[in-house]
PDB file of N, CA and C in Angstrom:
ATOM      1  N   MET A   1     112.566 -28.978 127.583  1.00  0.00           N
ATOM      2  CA  MET A   1     111.591 -28.912 129.244  1.00  0.00           C
ATOM      3  C   MET A   1     112.405 -29.002 130.028  1.00  0.00           C
ATOM      4  N   ILE A   2     112.775 -30.227 129.948  1.00  0.00           N
ATOM      5  CA  ILE A   2     113.610 -30.361 131.278  1.00  0.00           C
ATOM      6  C   ILE A   2     114.802 -29.843 131.357  1.00  0.00           C
ATOM      7  N   SER A   3     115.802 -29.570 130.488  1.00  0.00           N
ATOM      8  CA  SER A   3     116.692 -28.812 130.643  1.00  0.00           C
ATOM      9  C   SER A   3     116.761 -27.726 130.990  1.00  0.00           C
ATOM     10  N   GLY A   4     115.373 -26.792 131.042  1.00  0.00           N
ATOM     11  CA  GLY A   4     115.147 -25.281 130.898  1.00  0.00           C
ATOM     12  C   GLY A   4     114.263 -25.465 132.182  1.00  0.00           C
ATOM     13  N   LEU A   5     113.872 -26.641 132.764  1.00  0.00           N
ATOM     14  CA  LEU A   5     113.051 -26.571 133.834  1.00  0.00           C
ATOM     15  C   LEU A   5     113.699 -25.486 135.310  1.00  0.00           C
ATOM     16  N   SER A   6     115.067 -25.665 135.556  1.00  0.00           N
ATOM     17  CA  SER A   6     115.963 -25.007 136.135  1.00  0.00           C
ATOM     18  C   SER A   6     115.612 -23.565 136.510  1.00  0.00           C
ATOM     19  N   GLY A   7     115.296 -22.766 134.990  1.00  0.00           N
ATOM     20  CA  GLY A   7     115.118 -21.630 134.496  1.00  0.00           C
ATOM     21  C   GLY A   7     113.788 -21.416 135.492  1.00  0.00           C
ATOM     22  N   LEU A   8     113.009 -21.975 135.504  1.00  0.00           N
ATOM     23  CA  LEU A   8     111.431 -21.523 135.494  1.00  0.00           C
ATOM     24  C   LEU A   8     111.124 -21.121 137.241  1.00  0.00           C
ATOM     25  N   GLN A   9     110.990 -19.584 137.057  1.00  0.00           N
ATOM     26  CA  GLN A   9     110.945 -18.774 138.070  1.00  0.00           C
ATOM     27  C   GLN A   9     110.022 -19.031 138.942  1.00  0.00           C
ATOM     28  N   ASN A  10     108.755 -19.245 138.490  1.00  0.00           N
ATOM     29  CA  ASN A  10     107.310 -18.865 139.630  1.00  0.00           C
ATOM     30  C   ASN A  10     106.899 -20.335 138.809  1.00  0.00           C
ATOM     31  N   PRO A  11     106.798 -20.744 139.705  1.00  0.00           N
ATOM     32  CA  PRO A  11     105.917 -22.324 139.538  1.00  0.00           C
ATOM     33  C   PRO A  11     104.536 -22.379 139.466  1.00  0.00           C
ATOM     34  N   GLU A  12     104.033 -21.009 139.594  1.00  0.00           N
ATOM     35  CA  GLU A  12     102.631 -21.315 139.683  1.00  0.00           C
ATOM     36  C   GLU A  12     102.215 -21.244 137.549  1.00  0.00           C
ATOM     37  N   SER A  13     103.580 -20.407 136.987  1.00  0.00           N
ATOM     38  CA  SER A  13     103.105 -20.074 135.854  1.00  0.00           C
ATOM     39  C   SER A  13     103.508 -21.325 134.860  1.00  0.00           C
ATOM     40  N   PHE A  14     103.865 -22.674 135.252  1.00  0.00           N
ATOM     41  CA  PHE A  14     104.744 -23.403 134.430  1.00  0.00           C
ATOM     42  C   PHE A  14     103.021 -23.774 133.549  1.00  0.00           C
ATOM     43  N   GLU A  15     102.367 -23.991 133.560  1.00  0.00           N
ATOM     44  CA  GLU A  15     101.443 -23.918 132.332  1.00  0.00           C
ATOM     45  C   GLU A  15     101.765 -23.008 130.950  1.00  0.00           C
ATOM     46  N   ALA A  16     102.117 -22.187 131.414  1.00  0.00           N
ATOM     47  CA  ALA A  16     101.828 -20.900 130.714  1.00  0.00           C
ATOM     48  C   ALA A  16     103.426 -21.120 129.672  1.00  0.00           C
ATOM     49  N   TRP A  17     104.084 -21.484 130.785  1.00  0.00           N
ATOM     50  CA  TRP A  17     105.752 -21.679 130.384  1.00  0.00           C
ATOM     51  C   TRP A  17     106.436 -22.791 129.402  1.00  0.00           C
ATOM     52  N   LEU A  18     105.107 -23.775 129.858  1.00  0.00           N
ATOM     53  CA  LEU A  18     105.586 -24.768 129.171  1.00  0.00           C
ATOM     54  C   LEU A  18     104.845 -24.889 127.754  1.00  0.00           C
ATOM     55  N   PHE A  19     103.681 -23.703 127.307  1.00  0.00           N
ATOM     56  CA  PHE A  19     102.899 -23.812 126.327  1.00  0.00           C
ATOM     57  C   PHE A  19     103.876 -22.872 125.311  1.00  0.00           C
ATOM     58  N   ARG A  20     104.784 -21.630 126.325  1.00  0.00           N
ATOM     59  CA  ARG A  20     105.583 -20.842 125.665  1.00  0.00           C
ATOM     60  C   ARG A  20     106.729 -21.768 124.867  1.00  0.00           C
ATOM     61  N   ILE A  21     107.254 -22.904 125.047  1.00  0.00           N
ATOM     62  CA  ILE A  21     108.016 -23.535 124.790  1.00  0.00           C
ATOM     63  C   ILE A  21     107.509 -24.706 123.899  1.00  0.00           C
ATOM     64  N   ALA A  22     106.543 -25.184 123.457  1.00  0.00           N
ATOM     65  CA  ALA A  22     105.490 -25.593 122.710  1.00  0.00           C
ATOM     66  C   ALA A  22     105.119 -24.704 121.341  1.00  0.00           C
ATOM     67  N   ARG A  23     105.011 -23.497 121.620  1.00  0.00           N
ATOM     68  CA  ARG A  23     104.771 -22.326 120.763  1.00  0.00           C
ATOM     69  C   ARG A  23     105.761 -22.105 119.948  1.00  0.00           C
ATOM     70  N   ASN A  24     106.756 -22.290 120.689  1.00  0.00           N
ATOM     71  CA  ASN A  24     108.294 -21.747 120.134  1.00  0.00           C
ATOM     72  C   ASN A  24     108.786 -22.629 119.266  1.00  0.00           C
ATOM     73  N   VAL A  25     108.753 -23.492 119.583  1.00  0.00           N
ATOM     74  CA  VAL A  25     109.044 -25.222 118.973  1.00  0.00           C
ATOM     75  C   VAL A  25     107.925 -25.655 117.915  1.00  0.00           C
ATOM     76  N   ALA A  26     106.948 -24.740 117.611  1.00  0.00           N
ATOM     77  CA  ALA A  26     106.306 -24.913 116.457  1.00  0.00           C
ATOM     78  C   ALA A  26     106.246 -24.170 115.714  1.00  0.00           C
ATOM     79  N   MET A  27     106.846 -22.731 115.779  1.00  0.00           N
ATOM     80  CA  MET A  27     106.809 -21.553 114.947  1.00  0.00           C
ATOM     81  C   MET A  27     107.990 -21.850 114.430  1.00  0.00           C
ATOM     82  N   ASP A  28     109.325 -22.824 115.355  1.00  0.00           N
ATOM     83  CA  ASP A  28     110.663 -22.866 114.491  1.00  0.00           C
ATOM     84  C   ASP A  28     110.473 -24.087 113.430  1.00  0.00           C
ATOM     85  N   SER A  29     109.214 -24.731 113.771  1.00  0.00           N
ATOM     86  CA  SER A  29     109.245 -25.965 112.801  1.00  0.00           C
ATOM     87  C   SER A  29     108.244 -25.451 111.714  1.00  0.00           C
ATOM     88  N   LEU A  30     107.495 -24.258 111.869  1.00  0.00           N
ATOM     89  CA  LEU A  30     106.685 -23.635 110.553  1.00  0.00           C
ATOM     90  C   LEU A  30     108.066 -23.172 109.639  1.00  0.00           C
ATOM     91  N   ARG A  31     108.492 -22.140 110.070  1.00  0.00           N
ATOM     92  CA  ARG A  31     109.980 -21.495 109.467  1.00  0.00           C
ATOM     93  C   ARG A  31     110.992 -22.348 108.666  1.00  0.00           C
ATOM     94  N   ARG A  32     111.591 -23.889 109.339  1.00  0.00           N
ATOM     95  CA  ARG A  32     111.589 -24.356 108.520  1.00  0.00           C
ATOM     96  C   ARG A  32     111.375 -25.558 107.947  1.00  0.00           C
ATOM     97  N   LYS A  33     109.937 -25.404 107.539  1.00  0.00           N
ATOM     98  CA  LYS A  33     108.924 -26.051 106.538  1.00  0.00           C
ATOM     99  C   LYS A  33     109.566 -25.071 105.053  1.00  0.00           C
ATOM    100  N   ARG A  34     109.005 -23.167 105.565  1.00  0.00           N
ATOM    101  CA  ARG A  34     108.854 -22.601 105.025  1.00  0.00           C
ATOM    102  C   ARG A  34     110.129 -23.101 103.832  1.00  0.00           C
ATOM    103  N   LEU A  35     110.811 -22.830 104.556  1.00  0.00           N
ATOM    104  CA  LEU A  35     112.437 -23.236 103.691  1.00  0.00           C
ATOM    105  C   LEU A  35     112.929 -24.242 103.078  1.00  0.00           C
ATOM    106  N   TRP A  36     111.961 -25.531 103.445  1.00  0.00           N
ATOM    107  CA  TRP A  36     112.504 -26.756 102.958  1.00  0.00           C
ATOM    108  C   TRP A  36     111.398 -26.548 101.852  1.00  0.00           C
ATOM    109  N   ARG A  37     110.548 -25.629 101.632  1.00  0.00           N
ATOM    110  CA  ARG A  37     109.475 -25.754 100.409  1.00  0.00           C
ATOM    111  C   ARG A  37     109.899 -25.206  99.810  1.00  0.00           C
ATOM    112  N   MET A  38     110.937 -24.245  99.670  1.00  0.00           N
ATOM    113  CA  MET A  38     111.470 -23.624  98.690  1.00  0.00           C
ATOM    114  C   MET A  38     112.302 -24.420  97.505  1.00  0.00           C
ATOM    115  N   PHE A  39     112.662 -25.708  98.045  1.00  0.00           N
ATOM    116  CA  PHE A  39     113.958 -26.259  97.600  1.00  0.00           C
ATOM    117  C   PHE A  39     113.450 -27.265  96.901  1.00  0.00           C
ATOM    118  N   VAL A  40     111.945 -27.635  97.371  1.00  0.00           N
ATOM    119  CA  VAL A  40     110.896 -29.204  96.824  1.00  0.00           C
ATOM    120  C   VAL A  40     110.391 -28.656  95.211  1.00  0.00           C
ATOM    121  N   PRO A  41     110.857 -29.537  94.685  1.00  0.00           N
ATOM    122  CA  PRO A  41     110.405 -29.182  93.213  1.00  0.00           C
ATOM    123  C   PRO A  41     108.975 -29.264  93.111  1.00  0.00           C
ATOM    124  N   PHE A  42     108.412 -28.796  92.023  1.00  0.00           N
ATOM    125  CA  PHE A  42     106.812 -28.322  92.080  1.00  0.00           C
ATOM    126  C   PHE A  42     106.463 -29.839  91.072  1.00  0.00           C
ATOM    127  N   GLU A  43     105.232 -30.271  91.437  1.00  0.00           N
ATOM    128  CA  GLU A  43     104.891 -31.598  90.459  1.00  0.00           C
ATOM    129  C   GLU A  43     103.268 -30.990  90.398  1.00  0.00           C
ATOM    130  N   PRO A  44     103.322 -31.669  89.006  1.00  0.00           N
ATOM    131  CA  PRO A  44     101.309 -31.330  88.847  1.00  0.00           C
ATOM    132  C   PRO A  44     100.683 -31.983  90.382  1.00  0.00           C
ATOM    133  N   LYS A  45     101.019 -32.803  90.744  1.00  0.00           N
ATOM    134  CA  LYS A  45      99.974 -33.234  92.038  1.00  0.00           C
ATOM    135  C   LYS A  45      99.782 -32.073  92.896  1.00  0.00           C
ATOM    136  N   HIS A  46     100.612 -31.280  92.896  1.00  0.00           N
ATOM    137  CA  HIS A  46     100.259 -30.353  93.776  1.00  0.00           C
ATOM    138  C   HIS A  46      99.578 -28.927  93.464  1.00  0.00           C
ATOM    139  N   GLU A  47      98.843 -29.181  92.240  1.00  0.00           N
ATOM    140  CA  GLU A  47      97.522 -28.764  92.135  1.00  0.00           C
ATOM    141  C   GLU A  47      96.582 -29.146  92.080  1.00  0.00           C
ATOM    142  N   GLN A  48      96.541 -30.463  92.550  1.00  0.00           N
ATOM    143  CA  GLN A  48      95.312 -31.090  92.950  1.00  0.00           C
ATOM    144  C   GLN A  48      94.681 -30.264  94.500  1.00  0.00           C
ATOM    145  N   ILE A  49      93.095 -29.631  94.424  1.00  0.00           N
ATOM    146  CA  ILE A  49      92.713 -29.045  95.653  1.00  0.00           C
ATOM    147  C   ILE A  49      91.680 -29.438  96.042  1.00  0.00           C
ATOM    148  N   ALA A  50      91.659 -29.932  97.464  1.00  0.00           N
ATOM    149  CA  ALA A  50      90.601 -30.961  97.723  1.00  0.00           C
ATOM    150  C   ALA A  50      89.769 -29.875  97.974  1.00  0.00           C
ATOM    151  N   GLU A  51      88.061 -30.506  97.845  1.00  0.00           N
ATOM    152  CA  GLU A  51      86.915 -29.292  97.789  1.00  0.00           C
ATOM    153  C   GLU A  51      86.579 -29.188  98.890  1.00  0.00           C
ATOM    154  N   VAL A  52      85.880 -28.290  99.716  1.00  0.00           N
ATOM    155  CA  VAL A  52      86.074 -28.180 101.129  1.00  0.00           C
ATOM    156  C   VAL A  52      84.470 -27.975 101.137  1.00  0.00           C
ATOM    157  N   PRO A  53      83.222 -28.795 101.944  1.00  0.00           N
ATOM    158  CA  PRO A  53      82.137 -28.565 101.620  1.00  0.00           C
ATOM    159  C   PRO A  53      82.013 -27.147 102.747  1.00  0.00           C
ATOM    160  N   ARG A  54      80.716 -26.783 102.199  1.00  0.00           N
ATOM    161  CA  ARG A  54      79.947 -25.454 102.610  1.00  0.00           C
ATOM    162  C   ARG A  54      79.571 -25.766 103.462  1.00  0.00           C
ATOM    163  N   GLY A  55      79.586 -24.784 104.345  1.00  0.00           N
ATOM    164  CA  GLY A  55      78.909 -25.013 105.681  1.00  0.00           C
ATOM    165  C   GLY A  55      77.708 -23.301 106.090  1.00  0.00           C
ATOM    166  N   ASP A  56      77.814 -23.347 107.196  1.00  0.00           N
ATOM    167  CA  ASP A  56      77.048 -22.264 107.955  1.00  0.00           C
ATOM    168  C   ASP A  56      77.733 -20.442 107.544  1.00  0.00           C
ATOM    169  N   SER A  57      76.982 -19.830 106.907  1.00  0.00           N
ATOM    170  CA  SER A  57      77.837 -18.781 106.425  1.00  0.00           C
ATOM    171  C   SER A  57      78.356 -17.898 107.255  1.00  0.00           C
ATOM    172  N   ARG A  58      77.891 -17.984 108.855  1.00  0.00           N
ATOM    173  CA  ARG A  58      78.825 -16.781 109.378  1.00  0.00           C
ATOM    174  C   ARG A  58      80.198 -17.835 109.858  1.00  0.00           C
ATOM    175  N   LEU A  59      80.213 -19.252 109.837  1.00  0.00           N
ATOM    176  CA  LEU A  59      81.359 -19.960 110.234  1.00  0.00           C
ATOM    177  C   LEU A  59      82.451 -19.406 109.152  1.00  0.00           C
ATOM    178  N   GLU A  60      81.860 -19.255 108.294  1.00  0.00           N
ATOM    179  CA  GLU A  60      82.919 -19.524 106.830  1.00  0.00           C
ATOM    180  C   GLU A  60      83.209 -17.834 106.652  1.00  0.00           C
ATOM    181  N   ALA A  61      82.523 -16.789 107.290  1.00  0.00           N
ATOM    182  CA  ALA A  61      82.694 -15.162 107.732  1.00  0.00           C
ATOM    183  C   ALA A  61      83.582 -15.199 108.347  1.00  0.00           C
ATOM    184  N   PHE A  62      83.514 -15.773 109.766  1.00  0.00           N
ATOM    185  CA  PHE A  62      85.043 -16.068 110.355  1.00  0.00           C
ATOM    186  C   PHE A  62      86.048 -16.328 110.227  1.00  0.00           C
ATOM    187  N   ARG A  63      86.035 -17.152 109.197  1.00  0.00           N
ATOM    188  CA  ARG A  63      86.876 -18.374 108.903  1.00  0.00           C
ATOM    189  C   ARG A  63      88.075 -16.809 107.575  1.00  0.00           C
ATOM    190  N   ALA A  64      87.446 -16.868 107.301  1.00  0.00           N
ATOM    191  CA  ALA A  64      87.585 -15.221 106.251  1.00  0.00           C
ATOM    192  C   ALA A  64      88.428 -14.728 106.873  1.00  0.00           C
ATOM    193  N   ALA A  65      87.785 -13.518 107.811  1.00  0.00           N
ATOM    194  CA  ALA A  65      87.589 -12.524 108.661  1.00  0.00           C
ATOM    195  C   ALA A  65      89.507 -13.066 109.481  1.00  0.00           C
ATOM    196  N   LEU A  66      89.391 -14.515 109.762  1.00  0.00           N
ATOM    197  CA  LEU A  66      90.159 -14.825 110.614  1.00  0.00           C
ATOM    198  C   LEU A  66      91.631 -14.812 109.738  1.00  0.00           C
ATOM    199  N   ASP A  67      91.853 -15.724 108.415  1.00  0.00           N
ATOM    200  CA  ASP A  67      92.444 -15.498 107.296  1.00  0.00           C
ATOM    201  C   ASP A  67      93.085 -14.101 107.136  1.00  0.00           C
ATOM    202  N   GLY A  68      92.536 -13.059 107.512  1.00  0.00           N
ATOM    203  CA  GLY A  68      92.719 -11.996 106.711  1.00  0.00           C
ATOM    204  C   GLY A  68      93.391 -11.042 107.919  1.00  0.00           C
ATOM    205  N   MET A  69      93.303 -11.555 109.080  1.00  0.00           N
ATOM    206  CA  MET A  69      93.353 -10.769 110.778  1.00  0.00           C
ATOM    207  C   MET A  69      95.414 -10.572 110.857  1.00  0.00           C
ATOM    208  N   PRO A  70      95.922  -9.998 111.414  1.00  0.00           N
ATOM    209  CA  PRO A  70      97.724 -10.156 111.368  1.00  0.00           C
ATOM    210  C   PRO A  70      97.652 -10.797 112.542  1.00  0.00           C
ATOM    211  N   PRO A  71      98.329 -11.740 112.496  1.00  0.00           N
ATOM    212  CA  PRO A  71      99.249 -12.717 112.583  1.00  0.00           C
ATOM    213  C   PRO A  71      99.271 -12.261 114.074  1.00  0.00           C
ATOM    214  N   ASN A  72      99.988 -11.378 114.796  1.00  0.00           N
ATOM    215  CA  ASN A  72      99.945 -11.559 116.277  1.00  0.00           C
ATOM    216  C   ASN A  72      98.759 -11.176 117.026  1.00  0.00           C
ATOM    217  N   GLN A  73      97.403 -10.826 116.500  1.00  0.00           N
ATOM    218  CA  GLN A  73      96.201 -10.639 116.705  1.00  0.00           C
ATOM    219  C   GLN A  73      95.638 -12.144 116.527  1.00  0.00           C
ATOM    220  N   LYS A  74      96.095 -12.942 115.586  1.00  0.00           N
ATOM    221  CA  LYS A  74      95.151 -14.133 115.265  1.00  0.00           C
ATOM    222  C   LYS A  74      95.749 -15.126 116.297  1.00  0.00           C
ATOM    223  N   GLU A  75      97.071 -15.359 116.780  1.00  0.00           N
ATOM    224  CA  GLU A  75      97.494 -15.873 117.295  1.00  0.00           C
ATOM    225  C   GLU A  75      96.923 -15.738 118.546  1.00  0.00           C
ATOM    226  N   LEU A  76      96.580 -14.914 119.384  1.00  0.00           N
ATOM    227  CA  LEU A  76      95.766 -14.523 120.076  1.00  0.00           C
ATOM    228  C   LEU A  76      94.001 -14.920 120.973  1.00  0.00           C
ATOM    229  N   ILE A  77      93.603 -14.323 119.223  1.00  0.00           N
ATOM    230  CA  ILE A  77      91.999 -15.543 119.130  1.00  0.00           C
ATOM    231  C   ILE A  77      92.255 -17.013 119.157  1.00  0.00           C
ATOM    232  N   LEU A  78      93.146 -17.531 118.684  1.00  0.00           N
ATOM    233  CA  LEU A  78      92.907 -18.596 118.422  1.00  0.00           C
ATOM    234  C   LEU A  78      93.955 -19.573 119.975  1.00  0.00           C
ATOM    235  N   LEU A  79      94.792 -18.677 120.559  1.00  0.00           N
ATOM    236  CA  LEU A  79      94.801 -19.136 121.694  1.00  0.00           C
ATOM    237  C   LEU A  79      93.941 -19.636 122.702  1.00  0.00           C
ATOM    238  N   LEU A  80      92.683 -18.185 123.211  1.00  0.00           N
ATOM    239  CA  LEU A  80      91.535 -18.165 123.442  1.00  0.00           C
ATOM    240  C   LEU A  80      90.375 -19.262 123.294  1.00  0.00           C
ATOM    241  N   ALA A  81      90.492 -19.493 122.206  1.00  0.00           N
ATOM    242  CA  ALA A  81      89.302 -20.634 121.531  1.00  0.00           C
ATOM    243  C   ALA A  81      89.748 -21.836 122.052  1.00  0.00           C
ATOM    244  N   GLU A  82      91.157 -22.086 122.161  1.00  0.00           N
ATOM    245  CA  GLU A  82      91.539 -23.649 122.308  1.00  0.00           C
ATOM    246  C   GLU A  82      91.783 -23.182 124.288  1.00  0.00           C
ATOM    247  N   ASN A  83      92.322 -22.299 124.955  1.00  0.00           N
ATOM    248  CA  ASN A  83      92.423 -22.617 126.531  1.00  0.00           C
ATOM    249  C   ASN A  83      91.390 -21.218 126.601  1.00  0.00           C
ATOM    250  N   ASP A  84      91.194 -21.162 128.390  1.00  0.00           N
ATOM    251  CA  ASP A  84      90.956 -19.987 128.780  1.00  0.00           C
ATOM    252  C   ASP A  84      92.147 -19.726 129.777  1.00  0.00           C
ATOM    253  N   TRP A  85      93.005 -18.582 128.899  1.00  0.00           N
ATOM    254  CA  TRP A  85      93.891 -18.191 129.468  1.00  0.00           C
ATOM    255  C   TRP A  85      93.571 -16.785 129.862  1.00  0.00           C
ATOM    256  N   SER A  86      94.616 -16.412 131.090  1.00  0.00           N
ATOM    257  CA  SER A  86      94.313 -14.975 131.322  1.00  0.00           C
ATOM    258  C   SER A  86      95.142 -13.954 130.438  1.00  0.00           C
ATOM    259  N   TYR A  87      95.056 -13.394 130.746  1.00  0.00           N
ATOM    260  CA  TYR A  87      95.904 -11.978 130.256  1.00  0.00           C
ATOM    261  C   TYR A  87      97.010 -12.289 130.573  1.00  0.00           C
ATOM    262  N   GLU A  88      97.322 -12.139 132.081  1.00  0.00           N
ATOM    263  CA  GLU A  88      98.667 -12.415 132.326  1.00  0.00           C
ATOM    264  C   GLU A  88      99.302 -13.398 131.544  1.00  0.00           C
ATOM    265  N   GLN A  89      98.750 -14.396 131.634  1.00  0.00           N
ATOM    266  CA  GLN A  89      99.170 -15.961 131.153  1.00  0.00           C
ATOM    267  C   GLN A  89      99.736 -15.611 129.270  1.00  0.00           C
ATOM    268  N   LEU A  90      98.831 -14.843 128.916  1.00  0.00           N
ATOM    269  CA  LEU A  90      99.089 -14.983 127.235  1.00  0.00           C
ATOM    270  C   LEU A  90      99.762 -13.630 126.921  1.00  0.00           C
ATOM    271  N   ALA A  91      99.918 -12.915 127.858  1.00  0.00           N
ATOM    272  CA  ALA A  91     101.270 -12.099 127.850  1.00  0.00           C
ATOM    273  C   ALA A  91     102.696 -12.906 127.996  1.00  0.00           C
ATOM    274  N   GLU A  92     102.946 -13.360 128.802  1.00  0.00           N
ATOM    275  CA  GLU A  92     103.882 -14.518 129.476  1.00  0.00           C
ATOM    276  C   GLU A  92     103.748 -15.140 127.935  1.00  0.00           C
ATOM    277  N   ILE A  93     103.231 -15.853 127.341  1.00  0.00           N
ATOM    278  CA  ILE A  93     103.176 -16.722 126.156  1.00  0.00           C
ATOM    279  C   ILE A  93     103.982 -15.890 124.708  1.00  0.00           C
ATOM    280  N   THR A  94     103.125 -14.976 124.701  1.00  0.00           N
ATOM    281  CA  THR A  94     103.917 -14.379 123.761  1.00  0.00           C
ATOM    282  C   THR A  94     105.007 -13.066 124.346  1.00  0.00           C
ATOM    283  N   ARG A  95     105.435 -13.372 124.791  1.00  0.00           N
ATOM    284  CA  ARG A  95     106.587 -12.493 125.024  1.00  0.00           C
ATOM    285  C   ARG A  95     106.268 -11.144 124.770  1.00  0.00           C
ATOM    286  N   SER A  96     104.957 -10.739 125.568  1.00  0.00           N
ATOM    287  CA  SER A  96     104.437  -9.385 125.707  1.00  0.00           C
ATOM    288  C   SER A  96     103.709  -8.240 126.582  1.00  0.00           C
ATOM    289  N   SER A  97     103.812  -7.278 126.708  1.00  0.00           N
ATOM    290  CA  SER A  97     102.796  -6.551 128.205  1.00  0.00           C
ATOM    291  C   SER A  97     101.360  -7.430 127.782  1.00  0.00           C
ATOM    292  N   VAL A  98     100.616  -6.786 128.922  1.00  0.00           N
ATOM    293  CA  VAL A  98      99.376  -7.296 129.111  1.00  0.00           C
ATOM    294  C   VAL A  98      98.962  -6.131 129.024  1.00  0.00           C
ATOM    295  N   SER A  99      99.405  -5.038 129.008  1.00  0.00           N
ATOM    296  CA  SER A  99      98.317  -3.607 127.877  1.00  0.00           C
ATOM    297  C   SER A  99      98.484  -4.180 126.454  1.00  0.00           C
ATOM    298  N   ALA A 100      99.923  -4.852 125.957  1.00  0.00           N
ATOM    299  CA  ALA A 100      99.904  -5.026 124.842  1.00  0.00           C
ATOM    300  C   ALA A 100      98.570  -5.956 124.111  1.00  0.00           C
ATOM    301  N   VAL A 101      98.274  -7.235 125.243  1.00  0.00           N
ATOM    302  CA  VAL A 101      97.748  -7.850 124.713  1.00  0.00           C
ATOM    303  C   VAL A 101      96.450  -7.803 124.922  1.00  0.00           C
ATOM    304  N   LYS A 102      95.840  -6.600 125.494  1.00  0.00           N
ATOM    305  CA  LYS A 102      94.477  -6.565 125.574  1.00  0.00           C
ATOM    306  C   LYS A 102      94.449  -5.888 124.282  1.00  0.00           C
ATOM    307  N   SER A 103      95.135  -4.510 124.205  1.00  0.00           N
ATOM    308  CA  SER A 103      94.992  -3.858 122.965  1.00  0.00           C
ATOM    309  C   SER A 103      94.630  -4.454 121.750  1.00  0.00           C
ATOM    310  N   ARG A 104      96.092  -5.573 121.178  1.00  0.00           N
ATOM    311  CA  ARG A 104      95.718  -6.569 120.562  1.00  0.00           C
ATOM    312  C   ARG A 104      94.449  -7.096 120.563  1.00  0.00           C
ATOM    313  N   LEU A 105      93.085  -7.681 121.236  1.00  0.00           N
ATOM    314  CA  LEU A 105      92.576  -8.558 121.830  1.00  0.00           C
ATOM    315  C   LEU A 105      91.611  -7.859 121.376  1.00  0.00           C
ATOM    316  N   PHE A 106      91.131  -6.416 121.989  1.00  0.00           N
ATOM    317  CA  PHE A 106      90.407  -5.580 121.496  1.00  0.00           C
ATOM    318  C   PHE A 106      90.144  -5.525 119.852  1.00  0.00           C
ATOM    319  N   ARG A 107      91.660  -4.477 119.310  1.00  0.00           N
ATOM    320  CA  ARG A 107      92.071  -4.863 117.871  1.00  0.00           C
ATOM    321  C   ARG A 107      90.777  -6.031 117.320  1.00  0.00           C
ATOM    322  N   ALA A 108      91.214  -6.998 117.719  1.00  0.00           N
ATOM    323  CA  ALA A 108      90.868  -8.109 116.877  1.00  0.00           C
ATOM    324  C   ALA A 108      89.900  -8.554 117.319  1.00  0.00           C
ATOM    325  N   ARG A 109      89.302  -8.355 118.232  1.00  0.00           N
ATOM    326  CA  ARG A 109      87.896  -8.325 118.302  1.00  0.00           C
ATOM    327  C   ARG A 109      86.832  -7.663 116.868  1.00  0.00           C
ATOM    328  N   GLU A 110      87.460  -6.456 117.222  1.00  0.00           N
ATOM    329  CA  GLU A 110      86.697  -5.174 116.482  1.00  0.00           C
ATOM    330  C   GLU A 110      86.752  -5.390 114.977  1.00  0.00           C
ATOM    331  N   TYR A 111      87.814  -6.078 114.993  1.00  0.00           N
ATOM    332  CA  TYR A 111      88.073  -6.469 113.233  1.00  0.00           C
ATOM    333  C   TYR A 111      87.169  -7.522 112.689  1.00  0.00           C
ATOM    334  N   LEU A 112      87.371  -8.806 114.032  1.00  0.00           N
ATOM    335  CA  LEU A 112      86.275  -9.881 113.636  1.00  0.00           C
ATOM    336  C   LEU A 112      84.937  -9.450 113.519  1.00  0.00           C
ATOM    337  N   ARG A 113      84.179  -8.482 114.498  1.00  0.00           N
ATOM    338  CA  ARG A 113      83.066  -7.585 114.086  1.00  0.00           C
ATOM    339  C   ARG A 113      82.664  -7.105 113.118  1.00  0.00           C
ATOM    340  N   GLN A 114      83.399  -6.222 112.259  1.00  0.00           N
ATOM    341  CA  GLN A 114      83.138  -5.585 111.747  1.00  0.00           C
ATOM    342  C   GLN A 114      83.425  -6.761 110.131  1.00  0.00           C
ATOM    343  N   ARG A 115      84.679  -7.441 110.103  1.00  0.00           N
ATOM    344  CA  ARG A 115      84.125  -8.142 108.795  1.00  0.00           C
ATOM    345  C   ARG A 115      82.931  -9.142 108.769  1.00  0.00           C
ATOM    346  N   ILE A 116      82.687  -9.257 109.905  1.00  0.00           N
ATOM    347  CA  ILE A 116      81.549 -10.435 109.865  1.00  0.00           C
ATOM    348  C   ILE A 116      80.095 -10.137 109.889  1.00  0.00           C
ATOM    349  N   ALA A 117      80.160  -8.554 110.372  1.00  0.00           N
ATOM    350  CA  ALA A 117      79.501  -7.911 110.058  1.00  0.00           C
ATOM    351  C   ALA A 117      78.745  -7.122 108.535  1.00  0.00           C
ATOM    352  N   ASP A 118      80.230  -7.439 107.669  1.00  0.00           N
ATOM    353  CA  ASP A 118      80.175  -6.688 106.471  1.00  0.00           C
ATOM    354  C   ASP A 118      79.196  -7.999 105.031  1.00  0.00           C
ATOM    355  N   GLU A 119      79.937  -9.162 106.167  1.00  0.00           N
ATOM    356  CA  GLU A 119      79.155 -10.081 105.306  1.00  0.00           C
ATOM    357  C   GLU A 119      77.936 -10.706 105.053  1.00  0.00           C
ATOM    358  N   ASP A 120      77.240 -10.022 106.376  1.00  0.00           N
ATOM    359  CA  ASP A 120      75.568 -10.377 106.762  1.00  0.00           C
ATOM    360  C   ASP A 120      74.714  -8.976 105.900  1.00  0.00           C
TER     361      ASP A 120
END
């Protein structure tokens, strides 16, 4: 972050800029872990699955719908769950246009409504 601070053009967008750096670092880490898992030998202890307590059926339906959602839509939903970002900030973080963010969010919300309604 410190080495790239000189590249920040608009000080008002510092928070979104910093979040984009964190997002990129996290994505790089996930990519490395996926490659690393391919070379780690499989062991019987890896088959053990923890029991997850059952909760609210609507929450479970939401989580299931979220898991089946396209990654670019899921990312926006999760970003909005954690912070109150504007469309402009979301566009900057995801390196897309504001109209793309709006349409992805619209499709994501419709997808969630439909999947949760199907569960009820």
